Amino acid sequence: MRTLPPLEARNEHPLLVTAQRIRTMDADGGIASSMLVVDGRIAAIGGAAEVERAARQHQHQHVERIDLGDATVVPGFVDAHAHPLMLGQLSTWVDCGPAAASDIPGIVALLRAAAERLPAGAPVRGYGYEQRNLAELRHPTRFELDEVATDREVYLMNASGHGGVVNSWTLERYGVTRDTPNPEGGEFFRDADGELTGELSDAACNVLTGLHGVKIGHHGPNFHLGDEPAELVRQLEGAQAQFLAGGVTAIGDAQVTKRELDTYLRLAETGGLTMRVSGYLLSHLLDAALELGLHGPLGNERLAIQGIKLYADGTLGGETAWFPEGYLDDPCRTGQLYHSPEEYRSLVSRAHAVGLQTATHSQSPDAIEMVLTGLEAALAERPDADARHRIEHCGLPTPEQIERMASAGIIPVNQPQHHFNWGEGVTRAIGTPGERFNPLGEFERAGLPLVISSDAPVADPTPLEAVQAAASRITRRGVQLGGDDLAISAELALRAHTINGARALGRERDLGSLEVGKAADFAVLAADPVETPVGQIAEITVLATWVGGVEAHRTQAPSDASAADASVDAASSLETVR
């Protein structure tokens, strides 16, 4: 029988932390210089004198002191929408992103080199290409991947995670022919003559899961490949290290199946689950959740099930988001809806009726309309002013839809790194309307809560890059996407990745700000993001990350360490408050 370890690994002694600036992210936007941590929670925060007085109340104990010098402390970042196990899994694949390969021959060379290193018959898997960033401005084909191997699976996942390309062997292995019908919610792409190109999207990826993978029907993209449990735990440990290195202490896992839940439990039972996880069960598990009587969050401070994840349409990057009139650069592509409006409405209504929060992936205006209509109907059937239903990504809502979201209390959860990484590609795909991609400024003016996240591994779990992208609208290639009025301030972006993220997860009572009684989860930064020029925010170093008053990550300082780096090194020499 499995048993979970205690909820928190506590510091043995009270801890007094001082820094040049501690941004509390409380309702008043307070700034402190000292913080007292007792039993993993904040016991006092404010000026040096008042926190020293609070520390003296513990004079019968040793009170450890850490002076972080001129560093800035912020609450641990909350990544409200991410896929940790997928991130860990891709770290074992071949990186075929733009930094590694700029064209299809370059990708083929990378995969062929991997095939030569791998044991005979082992699948060759790559990730990260975005067709609009390639010199050919298109997806690779199965024939090009046949140059990698013809005796085993070759799978190249698109950067969006919503599909990719396989070689001919893979199609033959799983019995996919030119006459195979497209599954609901997915597609096997064909050329003008009806021949399979090797590209597949969303639910069509079910064929890749094998005997041990998770079958999810037509409820979303399937990236739940069947690695062994011990390997999945290792992958999750690697992903967790990446989140902590970025200052992330809490995440919302936006697609939990039995694979994810089993892996979290295996890591938690060894005491290895450091970050805090709120999971959203994929909608094919709704019946099981209702049968079990799940009618709200279930779990503890480290691992909880928060709600239900649904999909309305696909992705803008892979051109599977629903545009019924076709894409500008490929009018034959329309994308798809995962559910009919009637089926979607039934799913969210059943979840809402028992009090479960829903989080629905939706990008295009038509898909967002289906989601809004379904949520409005569910709220009319059972009014709830604090249901906190979410629309994930919510890339291209109309102004009228934004107003309806504000009226209904629906939370958009954006990923600014999407427009940072490939905003120009969205405008090529759908034209001028794409310049409004992720309209955070419009959300702010409508009074909607601002929540930003990474969608890792679609983007790296680096919150400071997301903050910069939200505040600048400047893409990685130096192009401004839309007007300045679509951007938000760095301080609002910081709130969107801390306290607002916690609220989107229903965890604002414990997480997201540095206040008395809350968990002592914080990130130590080499500079203050609010005071740093916007174009340099992503360059700020995360010096250390603490969870529950325990240091969970420390960046190794180079030999020519800066003063801020040295201040963190000083943390290893603890003094006693007398």
Protein backbone atom coordinates (compact mmCIF):
# COMPACT_ATOMS: atom_id res chain seq x y z
CA MET A 1 0.00 0.00 0.00
CA ARG A 2 1.34 3.45 -0.92
CA THR A 3 1.75 6.09 1.76
CA LEU A 4 2.52 9.73 1.13
CA PRO A 5 5.21 11.56 3.13
CA PRO A 6 4.31 14.52 5.39
CA LEU A 7 2.86 17.48 3.53
CA GLU A 8 5.90 19.68 4.05
CA ALA A 9 9.59 19.17 4.70
CA ARG A 10 10.08 21.90 7.30
CA ASN A 11 13.17 23.81 8.29
CA GLU A 12 14.28 22.69 11.71
CA HIS A 13 14.58 26.28 12.92
CA PRO A 14 12.79 29.57 12.22
CA LEU A 15 14.37 31.43 9.32
CA LEU A 16 14.82 35.19 8.94
CA VAL A 17 15.36 36.35 5.36
CA THR A 18 16.49 39.86 4.46
CA ALA A 19 16.93 41.37 1.00
CA GLN A 20 17.08 44.77 -0.63
CA ARG A 21 13.52 44.32 -1.87
CA ILE A 22 10.80 41.74 -1.23
CA ARG A 23 7.84 42.21 -3.55
CA THR A 24 4.97 40.69 -1.62
CA MET A 25 2.36 40.79 -4.43
CA ASP A 26 -0.31 41.37 -1.81
CA ALA A 27 -3.38 43.44 -2.61
CA ASP A 28 -1.52 46.66 -1.84
CA GLY A 29 1.55 45.79 -3.86
CA GLY A 30 3.66 46.02 -0.74
CA ILE A 31 7.45 46.00 -0.59
CA ALA A 32 9.27 44.59 2.43
CA SER A 33 12.89 44.02 3.40
CA SER A 34 12.58 41.17 5.92
CA MET A 35 10.58 37.96 6.25
CA LEU A 36 10.33 35.44 9.07
CA VAL A 37 9.55 31.82 8.19
CA VAL A 38 8.35 29.34 10.80
CA ASP A 39 7.38 25.75 9.99
CA GLY A 40 7.38 26.45 6.27
CA ARG A 41 5.04 29.44 6.49
CA ILE A 42 5.47 33.18 6.73
CA ALA A 43 5.20 34.31 10.34
CA ALA A 44 6.09 37.98 9.76
CA ILE A 45 6.98 40.22 6.84
CA GLY A 46 7.76 43.92 6.63
CA GLY A 47 10.56 46.22 7.73
CA ALA A 48 13.69 44.97 9.47
CA ALA A 49 12.72 46.24 12.93
CA GLU A 50 9.25 44.70 13.07
CA VAL A 51 10.41 41.35 11.75
CA GLU A 52 13.30 41.33 14.24
CA ARG A 53 10.75 41.84 17.01
CA ALA A 54 8.76 38.89 15.71
CA ALA A 55 11.94 36.79 15.62
CA ARG A 56 12.66 37.52 19.28
CA GLN A 57 9.43 35.72 20.18
CA HIS A 58 11.31 32.58 19.15
CA GLN A 59 14.35 33.30 21.33
CA HIS A 60 14.07 29.87 22.90
CA GLN A 61 14.95 28.50 19.46
CA HIS A 62 17.84 29.10 17.11
CA VAL A 63 16.68 31.52 14.42
CA GLU A 64 18.71 31.19 11.25
CA ARG A 65 19.42 34.29 9.22
CA ILE A 66 19.97 34.65 5.48
CA ASP A 67 20.98 38.01 4.04
CA LEU A 68 20.37 38.08 0.28
CA GLY A 69 22.03 41.45 -0.16
CA ASP A 70 20.83 43.42 -3.18
CA ALA A 71 18.73 40.58 -4.58
CA THR A 72 14.97 40.90 -5.12
CA VAL A 73 12.60 38.31 -3.66
CA VAL A 74 9.25 37.59 -5.30
CA PRO A 75 6.63 34.94 -4.58
CA GLY A 76 7.32 31.60 -6.20
CA PHE A 77 6.00 31.76 -9.74
CA VAL A 78 2.75 29.92 -10.39
CA ASP A 79 2.63 28.29 -13.82
CA ALA A 80 -1.12 27.75 -14.12
CA HIS A 81 -0.95 25.83 -17.41
CA ALA A 82 1.88 23.41 -18.12
CA HIS A 83 2.59 19.77 -19.02
CA PRO A 84 5.47 18.67 -16.78
CA LEU A 85 5.65 15.02 -17.77
CA MET A 86 5.55 15.93 -21.45
CA LEU A 87 8.38 18.40 -20.80
CA GLY A 88 10.41 15.67 -19.15
CA GLN A 89 9.65 13.22 -21.92
CA LEU A 90 10.76 15.63 -24.65
CA SER A 91 14.05 16.18 -22.85
CA THR A 92 14.91 12.60 -23.84
CA TRP A 93 14.06 13.29 -27.51
CA VAL A 94 16.04 15.14 -30.19
CA ASP A 95 15.74 18.92 -30.13
CA CYS A 96 14.79 19.98 -33.66
CA GLY A 97 13.78 23.51 -32.76
CA PRO A 98 14.93 26.64 -34.63
CA ALA A 99 18.16 26.93 -32.66
CA ALA A 100 19.11 23.39 -33.70
CA ALA A 101 17.86 23.25 -37.31
CA SER A 102 16.63 25.90 -39.72
CA ASP A 103 15.53 23.62 -42.55
CA ILE A 104 14.28 20.09 -43.22
CA PRO A 105 17.67 18.60 -44.25
CA GLY A 106 19.03 19.87 -40.94
CA ILE A 107 16.25 18.11 -39.04
CA VAL A 108 16.81 14.88 -40.99
CA ALA A 109 20.53 15.01 -40.16
CA LEU A 110 19.82 15.42 -36.44
CA LEU A 111 17.38 12.52 -36.41
CA ARG A 112 19.66 10.29 -38.48
CA ALA A 113 22.51 10.89 -36.04
CA ALA A 114 20.19 9.93 -33.18
CA ALA A 115 19.13 6.75 -35.02
CA GLU A 116 22.79 5.74 -35.30
CA ARG A 117 23.26 6.15 -31.53
CA LEU A 118 20.10 4.31 -30.49
CA PRO A 119 19.75 0.52 -30.20
CA ALA A 120 18.38 -1.27 -33.25
CA GLY A 121 14.61 -0.91 -33.45
CA ALA A 122 14.37 1.86 -30.83
CA PRO A 123 12.02 4.65 -31.94
CA VAL A 124 13.58 7.92 -33.08
CA ARG A 125 11.68 10.93 -31.74
CA GLY A 126 12.28 14.63 -32.20
CA TYR A 127 10.41 17.78 -31.26
CA GLY A 128 10.31 21.53 -31.56
CA TYR A 129 10.01 22.30 -35.27
CA GLU A 130 7.56 25.00 -36.30
CA GLN A 131 6.91 24.82 -40.03
CA ARG A 132 6.76 28.59 -40.54
CA ASN A 133 10.26 28.91 -39.06
CA LEU A 134 11.76 26.45 -41.53
CA ALA A 135 13.36 27.61 -44.78
CA GLU A 136 10.82 25.53 -46.72
CA LEU A 137 7.86 27.12 -44.85
CA ARG A 138 6.13 23.73 -44.64
CA HIS A 139 5.94 20.51 -42.65
CA PRO A 140 8.41 17.73 -43.46
CA THR A 141 6.93 14.66 -45.16
CA ARG A 142 7.05 10.96 -44.38
CA PHE A 143 9.36 10.46 -47.33
CA GLU A 144 11.89 12.87 -45.86
CA LEU A 145 11.68 11.06 -42.50
CA ASP A 146 12.20 7.77 -44.37
CA GLU A 147 15.74 9.08 -44.89
CA VAL A 148 16.20 8.73 -41.13
CA ALA A 149 15.05 5.10 -40.84
CA THR A 150 12.80 2.62 -42.58
CA ASP A 151 12.94 -0.14 -39.95
CA ARG A 152 11.49 1.65 -36.92
CA GLU A 153 9.22 4.46 -35.80
CA VAL A 154 10.34 8.01 -36.55
CA TYR A 155 8.16 10.72 -35.03
CA LEU A 156 8.82 14.45 -35.26
CA MET A 157 6.51 16.39 -32.96
CA ASN A 158 5.45 19.91 -33.89
CA ALA A 159 6.37 22.66 -31.42
CA SER A 160 2.68 23.02 -30.57
CA GLY A 161 2.49 19.45 -29.26
CA HIS A 162 -0.66 18.91 -31.33
CA GLY A 163 0.82 16.40 -33.74
CA GLY A 164 3.69 16.22 -36.18
CA VAL A 165 5.07 13.90 -38.84
CA VAL A 166 5.86 10.17 -38.92
CA ASN A 167 7.74 8.03 -41.41
CA SER A 168 6.19 5.46 -43.71
CA TRP A 169 7.13 2.52 -41.42
CA THR A 170 5.00 4.02 -38.63
CA LEU A 171 1.94 4.41 -40.81
CA GLU A 172 2.30 0.84 -42.03
CA ARG A 173 2.92 -0.47 -38.49
CA TYR A 174 -0.38 0.94 -37.29
CA GLY A 175 -2.35 0.10 -40.43
CA VAL A 176 -2.93 3.68 -41.57
CA THR A 177 -3.55 3.84 -45.32
CA ARG A 178 -4.89 6.40 -47.78
CA ASP A 179 -8.34 4.90 -47.16
CA THR A 180 -8.18 5.18 -43.35
CA PRO A 181 -10.84 7.65 -42.19
CA ASN A 182 -9.79 10.56 -40.03
CA PRO A 183 -10.60 10.05 -36.35
CA GLU A 184 -12.93 12.48 -34.63
CA GLY A 185 -10.82 15.38 -33.41
CA GLY A 186 -7.79 14.58 -35.57
CA GLU A 187 -6.49 14.13 -39.10
CA PHE A 188 -4.14 12.03 -41.23
CA PHE A 189 -3.11 14.60 -43.80
CA ARG A 190 -3.08 13.80 -47.52
CA ASP A 191 -1.71 15.51 -50.60
CA ALA A 192 -3.73 16.61 -53.64
CA ASP A 193 -3.68 13.04 -54.97
CA GLY A 194 -4.98 11.57 -51.69
CA GLU A 195 -1.64 10.09 -50.61
CA LEU A 196 -0.66 10.25 -46.95
CA THR A 197 1.97 12.94 -46.31
CA GLY A 198 2.95 11.55 -42.91
CA GLU A 199 1.58 14.56 -41.05
CA LEU A 200 -0.95 13.77 -38.36
CA SER A 201 -2.67 15.94 -35.79
CA ASP A 202 -4.38 15.81 -32.43
CA ALA A 203 -6.54 12.68 -31.94
CA ALA A 204 -4.81 10.92 -34.85
CA CYS A 205 -1.77 10.66 -32.55
CA ASN A 206 -3.62 7.95 -30.64
CA VAL A 207 -1.95 5.48 -33.02
CA LEU A 208 1.44 6.30 -31.45
CA THR A 209 0.61 5.31 -27.89
CA GLY A 210 1.16 1.59 -28.36
CA LEU A 211 -0.05 -1.04 -25.91
CA HIS A 212 1.10 0.78 -22.77
CA GLY A 213 0.16 4.31 -23.72
CA VAL A 214 -3.04 6.12 -22.73
CA LYS A 215 -5.95 6.12 -25.14
CA ILE A 216 -7.95 9.33 -24.81
CA GLY A 217 -10.41 8.98 -27.66
CA HIS A 218 -11.17 12.32 -29.28
CA HIS A 219 -10.74 14.38 -26.11
CA GLY A 220 -7.47 16.10 -26.97
CA PRO A 221 -3.99 15.77 -28.47
CA ASN A 222 -2.37 12.53 -27.39
CA PHE A 223 1.19 12.86 -26.14
CA HIS A 224 0.83 10.09 -23.56
CA LEU A 225 3.37 7.64 -24.98
CA GLY A 226 3.97 4.40 -23.15
CA ASP A 227 7.36 4.63 -21.40
CA GLU A 228 8.03 2.43 -18.39
CA PRO A 229 6.93 3.85 -14.98
CA ALA A 230 10.50 4.20 -13.68
CA GLU A 231 11.47 6.12 -16.82
CA LEU A 232 8.45 8.40 -16.45
CA VAL A 233 9.47 9.18 -12.86
CA ARG A 234 12.95 10.06 -14.06
CA GLN A 235 11.47 12.32 -16.74
CA LEU A 236 9.25 14.07 -14.19
CA GLU A 237 12.21 14.66 -11.89
CA GLY A 238 14.05 16.30 -14.77
CA ALA A 239 11.07 18.49 -15.61
CA GLN A 240 10.66 19.52 -11.98
CA ALA A 241 14.28 20.67 -11.92
CA GLN A 242 13.58 22.89 -14.94
CA PHE A 243 10.55 24.49 -13.30
CA LEU A 244 12.44 25.16 -10.07
CA ALA A 245 15.36 26.65 -12.00
CA GLY A 246 12.92 29.17 -13.48
CA GLY A 247 11.57 30.12 -10.04
CA VAL A 248 8.34 28.12 -10.46
CA THR A 249 7.04 26.58 -7.24
CA ALA A 250 3.47 25.65 -8.22
CA ILE A 251 1.95 24.42 -11.46
CA GLY A 252 -1.39 23.55 -12.96
CA ASP A 253 -0.98 20.33 -14.94
CA ALA A 254 -3.34 20.96 -17.83
CA GLN A 255 -3.83 17.39 -19.00
CA VAL A 256 -3.80 14.68 -16.36
CA THR A 257 -4.48 11.07 -17.32
CA LYS A 258 -3.68 7.88 -15.44
CA ARG A 259 -0.09 8.20 -16.70
CA GLU A 260 0.47 11.58 -15.05
CA LEU A 261 -1.33 10.75 -11.81
CA ASP A 262 0.54 7.47 -11.38
CA THR A 263 3.88 9.20 -11.97
CA TYR A 264 3.14 12.02 -9.51
CA LEU A 265 2.17 9.47 -6.86
CA ARG A 266 5.33 7.44 -7.46
CA LEU A 267 7.49 10.56 -7.06
CA ALA A 268 5.51 11.83 -4.06
CA GLU A 269 5.77 8.57 -2.13
CA THR A 270 9.56 8.84 -2.16
CA GLY A 271 9.44 12.46 -0.98
CA GLY A 272 10.72 13.64 -4.35
CA LEU A 273 7.78 15.85 -5.36
CA THR A 274 9.07 19.30 -4.46
CA MET A 275 6.84 21.64 -6.46
CA ARG A 276 3.12 21.95 -5.82
CA VAL A 277 0.82 20.44 -8.44
CA SER A 278 -2.85 21.10 -9.14
CA GLY A 279 -4.02 18.70 -11.83
CA TYR A 280 -6.86 18.92 -14.33
CA LEU A 281 -8.22 15.54 -15.40
CA LEU A 282 -8.68 15.20 -19.15
CA SER A 283 -12.37 15.20 -20.04
CA HIS A 284 -12.46 11.53 -21.07
CA LEU A 285 -12.16 10.86 -17.31
CA LEU A 286 -15.20 12.98 -16.39
CA ASP A 287 -17.49 9.96 -15.98
CA ALA A 288 -14.96 8.27 -13.70
CA ALA A 289 -14.56 11.46 -11.64
CA LEU A 290 -18.32 11.80 -11.22
CA GLU A 291 -18.66 8.12 -10.34
CA LEU A 292 -16.05 8.58 -7.61
CA GLY A 293 -17.99 11.53 -6.22
CA LEU A 294 -15.39 14.15 -7.06
CA HIS A 295 -17.07 17.53 -6.59
CA GLY A 296 -14.18 19.83 -5.83
CA PRO A 297 -10.42 19.89 -5.25
CA LEU A 298 -9.00 16.68 -3.79
CA GLY A 299 -5.51 16.25 -2.38
CA ASN A 300 -2.97 18.01 -0.21
CA GLU A 301 -0.52 20.91 -0.35
CA ARG A 302 1.78 19.10 -2.77
CA LEU A 303 -0.57 17.20 -5.06
CA ALA A 304 -4.24 17.83 -5.76
CA ILE A 305 -6.84 17.29 -8.46
CA GLN A 306 -8.41 20.65 -9.18
CA GLY A 307 -10.86 20.20 -12.05
CA ILE A 308 -11.50 19.01 -15.60
CA LYS A 309 -9.56 19.90 -18.77
CA LEU A 310 -11.41 20.07 -22.10
CA TYR A 311 -10.48 20.95 -25.67
CA ALA A 312 -12.58 23.04 -28.02
CA ASP A 313 -10.18 23.24 -30.96
CA GLY A 314 -6.53 22.73 -31.84
CA THR A 315 -3.54 24.99 -32.09
CA LEU A 316 -2.60 28.04 -34.10
CA GLY A 317 0.99 26.82 -34.46
CA GLY A 318 -0.04 23.55 -36.07
CA GLU A 319 -2.99 25.12 -37.92
CA THR A 320 -5.52 22.86 -36.19
CA ALA A 321 -7.38 25.68 -34.41
CA TRP A 322 -10.89 25.99 -35.83
CA PHE A 323 -11.14 28.46 -38.72
CA PRO A 324 -14.06 27.17 -40.82
CA GLU A 325 -13.21 29.48 -43.74
CA GLY A 326 -9.64 28.15 -43.92
CA TYR A 327 -6.20 29.54 -43.19
CA LEU A 328 -4.81 32.40 -45.21
CA ASP A 329 -1.63 30.50 -46.10
CA ASP A 330 -3.50 27.22 -46.71
CA PRO A 331 -7.24 27.65 -47.45
CA CYS A 332 -7.71 23.87 -47.54
CA ARG A 333 -6.98 23.67 -43.83
CA THR A 334 -9.75 24.57 -41.43
CA GLY A 335 -8.61 22.91 -38.22
CA GLN A 336 -11.27 21.15 -36.18
CA LEU A 337 -13.52 21.19 -33.18
CA TYR A 338 -13.09 18.32 -30.75
CA HIS A 339 -16.74 18.26 -29.76
CA SER A 340 -20.00 19.37 -31.25
CA PRO A 341 -21.53 22.33 -29.42
CA GLU A 342 -24.11 19.99 -27.91
CA GLU A 343 -21.52 17.51 -26.63
CA TYR A 344 -19.33 20.28 -25.26
CA ARG A 345 -22.24 21.90 -23.48
CA SER A 346 -23.16 18.56 -21.89
CA LEU A 347 -19.60 18.00 -20.64
CA VAL A 348 -19.18 21.39 -19.00
CA SER A 349 -22.71 21.34 -17.63
CA ARG A 350 -22.14 18.00 -15.90
CA ALA A 351 -18.83 19.18 -14.43
CA HIS A 352 -20.23 22.53 -13.31
CA ALA A 353 -23.32 20.93 -11.77
CA VAL A 354 -21.20 19.19 -9.12
CA GLY A 355 -18.88 22.15 -8.55
CA LEU A 356 -15.89 21.11 -10.67
CA GLN A 357 -13.83 23.88 -12.23
CA THR A 358 -13.30 23.48 -15.97
CA ALA A 359 -10.37 24.62 -18.10
CA THR A 360 -11.01 24.55 -21.86
CA HIS A 361 -8.34 24.91 -24.53
CA SER A 362 -9.67 27.32 -27.16
CA GLN A 363 -7.92 29.57 -29.67
CA SER A 364 -10.12 30.76 -32.55
CA PRO A 365 -13.10 33.14 -32.24
CA ASP A 366 -15.48 30.40 -33.41
CA ALA A 367 -14.16 27.90 -30.88
CA ILE A 368 -14.23 30.49 -28.10
CA GLU A 369 -17.85 31.19 -29.01
CA MET A 370 -18.73 27.53 -28.45
CA VAL A 371 -16.98 27.59 -25.07
CA LEU A 372 -18.58 30.82 -23.94
CA THR A 373 -22.05 29.69 -24.97
CA GLY A 374 -21.61 26.39 -23.15
CA LEU A 375 -20.29 28.00 -19.97
CA GLU A 376 -22.97 30.68 -19.97
CA ALA A 377 -25.62 27.97 -20.23
CA ALA A 378 -24.08 25.98 -17.36
CA LEU A 379 -23.91 29.09 -15.18
CA ALA A 380 -27.53 29.92 -15.99
CA GLU A 381 -28.59 26.43 -14.91
CA ARG A 382 -26.65 26.67 -11.62
CA PRO A 383 -25.51 30.22 -10.81
CA ASP A 384 -22.12 30.44 -9.14
CA ALA A 385 -20.34 33.76 -8.88
CA ASP A 386 -17.05 32.08 -8.03
CA ALA A 387 -16.95 29.07 -10.38
CA ARG A 388 -13.69 30.30 -11.95
CA HIS A 389 -14.10 28.42 -15.22
CA ARG A 390 -11.06 28.98 -17.41
CA ILE A 391 -10.37 29.37 -21.12
CA GLU A 392 -6.86 28.14 -21.83
CA HIS A 393 -4.79 30.13 -24.34
CA CYS A 394 -7.81 32.21 -25.42
CA GLY A 395 -5.67 33.59 -28.21
CA LEU A 396 -8.12 35.45 -30.44
CA PRO A 397 -11.34 36.38 -28.64
CA THR A 398 -13.45 39.16 -30.11
CA PRO A 399 -14.00 42.34 -28.05
CA GLU A 400 -17.62 41.27 -27.52
CA GLN A 401 -16.50 37.87 -26.23
CA ILE A 402 -14.08 39.54 -23.83
CA GLU A 403 -16.93 41.54 -22.33
CA ARG A 404 -19.01 38.37 -21.92
CA MET A 405 -16.10 36.63 -20.21
CA ALA A 406 -15.83 39.50 -17.75
CA SER A 407 -19.58 39.39 -17.04
CA ALA A 408 -19.53 35.63 -16.44
CA GLY A 409 -16.38 35.61 -14.30
CA ILE A 410 -14.48 33.41 -16.77
CA ILE A 411 -10.68 33.48 -16.49
CA PRO A 412 -8.50 33.56 -19.64
CA VAL A 413 -5.13 31.84 -19.13
CA ASN A 414 -2.63 33.17 -21.68
CA GLN A 415 0.90 32.22 -22.71
CA PRO A 416 2.78 35.34 -23.88
CA GLN A 417 5.76 33.21 -24.91
CA HIS A 418 3.58 31.90 -27.74
CA HIS A 419 3.47 35.29 -29.41
CA PHE A 420 7.10 35.88 -28.43
CA ASN A 421 8.20 32.69 -30.22
CA TRP A 422 5.99 32.66 -33.31
CA GLY A 423 3.72 35.68 -33.40
CA GLU A 424 4.71 36.45 -36.99
CA GLY A 425 3.61 32.98 -38.01
CA VAL A 426 0.12 33.63 -36.67
CA THR A 427 -0.23 36.73 -38.85
CA ARG A 428 0.96 34.75 -41.88
CA ALA A 429 -1.60 32.05 -41.07
CA ILE A 430 -4.68 34.22 -40.52
CA GLY A 431 -3.69 37.73 -41.58
CA THR A 432 -4.02 41.03 -39.73
CA PRO A 433 -6.35 39.66 -37.00
CA GLY A 434 -3.37 37.67 -35.80
CA GLU A 435 -1.76 40.86 -34.52
CA ARG A 436 -4.25 40.71 -31.61
CA PHE A 437 -2.95 37.29 -30.54
CA ASN A 438 -3.02 37.20 -26.72
CA PRO A 439 -4.72 40.59 -26.20
CA LEU A 440 -3.72 41.06 -22.56
CA GLY A 441 -4.21 44.82 -22.67
CA GLU A 442 -7.83 44.33 -23.75
CA PHE A 443 -8.34 41.84 -20.92
CA GLU A 444 -7.01 44.40 -18.44
CA ARG A 445 -9.33 47.16 -19.64
CA ALA A 446 -12.32 44.79 -19.45
CA GLY A 447 -11.53 44.02 -15.82
CA LEU A 448 -10.61 40.39 -16.43
CA PRO A 449 -8.02 38.79 -14.14
CA LEU A 450 -4.69 38.50 -15.95
CA VAL A 451 -3.09 35.04 -15.77
CA ILE A 452 0.00 34.03 -17.73
CA SER A 453 1.78 30.71 -17.91
CA SER A 454 4.23 28.74 -20.06
CA ASP A 455 2.37 25.76 -21.58
CA ALA A 456 5.72 23.97 -21.17
CA PRO A 457 7.09 22.26 -23.17
CA VAL A 458 5.48 24.39 -25.90
CA ALA A 459 7.56 27.16 -24.33
CA ASP A 460 10.29 26.93 -21.74
CA PRO A 461 9.17 27.26 -18.10
CA THR A 462 10.91 30.62 -17.72
CA PRO A 463 8.44 33.07 -16.16
CA LEU A 464 10.68 36.10 -16.60
CA GLU A 465 10.61 35.58 -20.38
CA ALA A 466 6.81 35.42 -20.18
CA VAL A 467 6.72 38.63 -18.14
CA GLN A 468 8.88 40.39 -20.73
CA ALA A 469 6.73 39.13 -23.61
CA ALA A 470 3.54 40.30 -21.90
CA ALA A 471 5.00 43.74 -21.24
CA SER A 472 6.60 44.34 -24.64
CA ARG A 473 4.70 42.47 -27.43
CA ILE A 474 8.11 42.21 -29.14
CA THR A 475 8.78 38.80 -30.69
CA ARG A 476 12.02 36.85 -30.56
CA ARG A 477 12.83 38.24 -34.03
CA GLY A 478 12.31 41.84 -32.94
CA VAL A 479 8.86 42.37 -34.49
CA GLN A 480 6.16 44.16 -32.51
CA LEU A 481 2.90 42.23 -32.63
CA GLY A 482 0.02 44.71 -32.65
CA GLY A 483 -0.11 48.02 -30.82
CA ASP A 484 1.22 49.02 -27.42
CA ASP A 485 -2.33 48.88 -26.06
CA LEU A 486 -2.19 45.07 -26.20
CA ALA A 487 0.69 44.99 -23.71
CA ILE A 488 0.51 45.25 -19.92
CA SER A 489 2.94 46.64 -17.36
CA ALA A 490 5.73 44.48 -15.96
CA GLU A 491 4.18 44.70 -12.50
CA LEU A 492 0.82 43.43 -13.79
CA ALA A 493 2.62 40.65 -15.67
CA LEU A 494 4.40 39.69 -12.46
CA ARG A 495 1.05 39.53 -10.66
CA ALA A 496 -0.33 37.45 -13.53
CA HIS A 497 2.39 34.84 -12.94
CA THR A 498 2.07 34.81 -9.13
CA ILE A 499 -1.05 35.72 -7.18
CA ASN A 500 -3.42 35.65 -10.18
CA GLY A 501 -2.04 32.29 -11.22
CA ALA A 502 -2.70 30.98 -7.72
CA ARG A 503 -6.27 32.26 -7.88
CA ALA A 504 -6.80 30.51 -11.21
CA LEU A 505 -5.83 27.29 -9.42
CA GLY A 506 -8.05 28.04 -6.43
CA ARG A 507 -4.96 28.32 -4.21
CA GLU A 508 -4.72 32.02 -3.40
CA ARG A 509 -5.21 31.39 0.33
CA ASP A 510 -1.86 29.61 0.49
CA LEU A 511 0.17 30.62 -2.54
CA GLY A 512 0.96 33.44 -4.92
CA SER A 513 1.91 36.22 -2.50
CA LEU A 514 4.20 36.63 0.49
CA GLU A 515 1.83 37.28 3.39
CA VAL A 516 1.54 36.09 6.96
CA GLY A 517 0.14 32.56 7.10
CA LYS A 518 0.98 31.68 3.50
CA ALA A 519 3.51 29.12 2.34
CA ALA A 520 7.09 30.40 2.22
CA ASP A 521 7.48 29.79 -1.51
CA PHE A 522 9.70 32.40 -3.13
CA ALA A 523 12.21 33.06 -5.88
CA VAL A 524 15.42 35.05 -5.41
CA LEU A 525 16.19 37.25 -8.43
CA ALA A 526 19.37 39.09 -9.36
CA ALA A 527 17.32 42.21 -10.22
CA ASP A 528 13.83 43.62 -9.78
CA PRO A 529 11.68 42.87 -12.88
CA VAL A 530 9.56 45.97 -12.27
CA GLU A 531 12.58 48.28 -12.26
CA THR A 532 14.44 46.54 -15.11
CA PRO A 533 14.06 47.84 -18.70
CA VAL A 534 11.38 45.69 -20.30
CA GLY A 535 13.64 44.34 -23.02
CA GLN A 536 16.06 42.98 -20.40
CA ILE A 537 13.64 41.26 -17.99
CA ALA A 538 14.20 37.80 -19.49
CA GLU A 539 17.93 38.16 -18.80
CA ILE A 540 17.46 38.38 -15.03
CA THR A 541 19.00 35.39 -13.27
CA VAL A 542 16.92 33.29 -10.89
CA LEU A 543 19.47 32.83 -8.12
CA ALA A 544 17.49 30.45 -5.93
CA THR A 545 14.03 28.96 -5.43
CA TRP A 546 12.51 28.08 -2.07
CA VAL A 547 9.46 25.91 -1.41
CA GLY A 548 7.91 25.75 2.05
CA GLY A 549 10.87 27.52 3.59
CA VAL A 550 13.35 25.03 2.12
CA GLU A 551 15.82 25.85 -0.64
CA ALA A 552 14.86 23.67 -3.62
CA HIS A 553 17.19 25.15 -6.26
CA ARG A 554 20.30 27.29 -6.33
CA THR A 555 21.96 28.57 -9.49
CA GLN A 556 25.64 27.79 -9.55
CA ALA A 557 27.50 31.09 -9.69
CA PRO A 558 30.35 31.41 -12.23
CA SER A 559 33.86 32.10 -11.02
CA ASP A 560 33.39 35.85 -11.59
CA ALA A 561 30.20 35.91 -9.54
CA SER A 562 28.34 39.16 -9.25
CA ALA A 563 27.55 40.69 -5.88
CA ALA A 564 24.04 39.29 -6.10
CA ASP A 565 25.39 35.81 -6.78
CA ALA A 566 27.74 36.17 -3.84
CA SER A 567 24.86 37.25 -1.63
CA VAL A 568 23.12 33.96 -2.34
CA ASP A 569 26.33 32.05 -1.65
CA ALA A 570 26.32 33.78 1.72
CA ALA A 571 23.14 31.87 2.47
CA SER A 572 25.27 28.80 3.16
CA SER A 573 26.79 30.58 6.13
CA LEU A 574 23.92 30.95 8.58
CA GLU A 575 24.09 33.09 11.68
CA THR A 576 21.98 32.93 14.79
CA VAL A 577 19.71 35.77 15.85
CA ARG A 578 20.32 36.52 19.51
